[in-house]
């Protein structure tokens, strides 16, 4: 897909562990799922490696024939268990606002089930202009290219790959499972400790 010409600066953000700390909520959903199904799930391990699609994580705990059903049940439980415990990452709202103050457009591109991602943004008052769910790693490039994103911000090496597949600048934040060395090795052009550093970086970026 060819990039769409963008009249304004468009910046993409990942969701889990980039804009939101969903670990408490996701742990609660997995605990409820384990109780319902009788399947052991190491919830501490699960929340230490958030990022990849749900089915990929489910494959560590359920046989192949049960993954789709378990994932459907997870998504159904999610609104009641995961939204309230989840918090905004430090600087998340300010990072979004920094783009919009410059006349830019913010898009959230995530592997998460889109209706549940929408609940998170609404609950936390993170005012993104666009939300696209169900995309992971290089698959995120589909949405980034369609909307002409010049920058994609994420916490996972999969986010770096997605940015590069869309010919976007990869900005990594070390708030998720991947540390600075991993993000740098994956090719992130910019690495920030968290989103509190993003507004100042963005102002410098657009001034060049």
Foldseek 3Di string as FASTA:
>chain_A
DAFDDAPAAEEEEEPDLAFKPQLQQLLQLVVVLCVVPVWDDPSVVVSQAPADAQLVSQVVTDPPVCSVVSVVSSVVCRVVRGQVVMATDVQNLVLLVLQVVRVYAYEYEGLDDQVSSVSNCVSHVRDHPYYHYNAWQLRSLVVCRHNVHQEYEEADLSSVNNCVNNNHQYEHEPRGNDHPVRNVVSPHPHYDPGNVPNSVVVVVVVVD
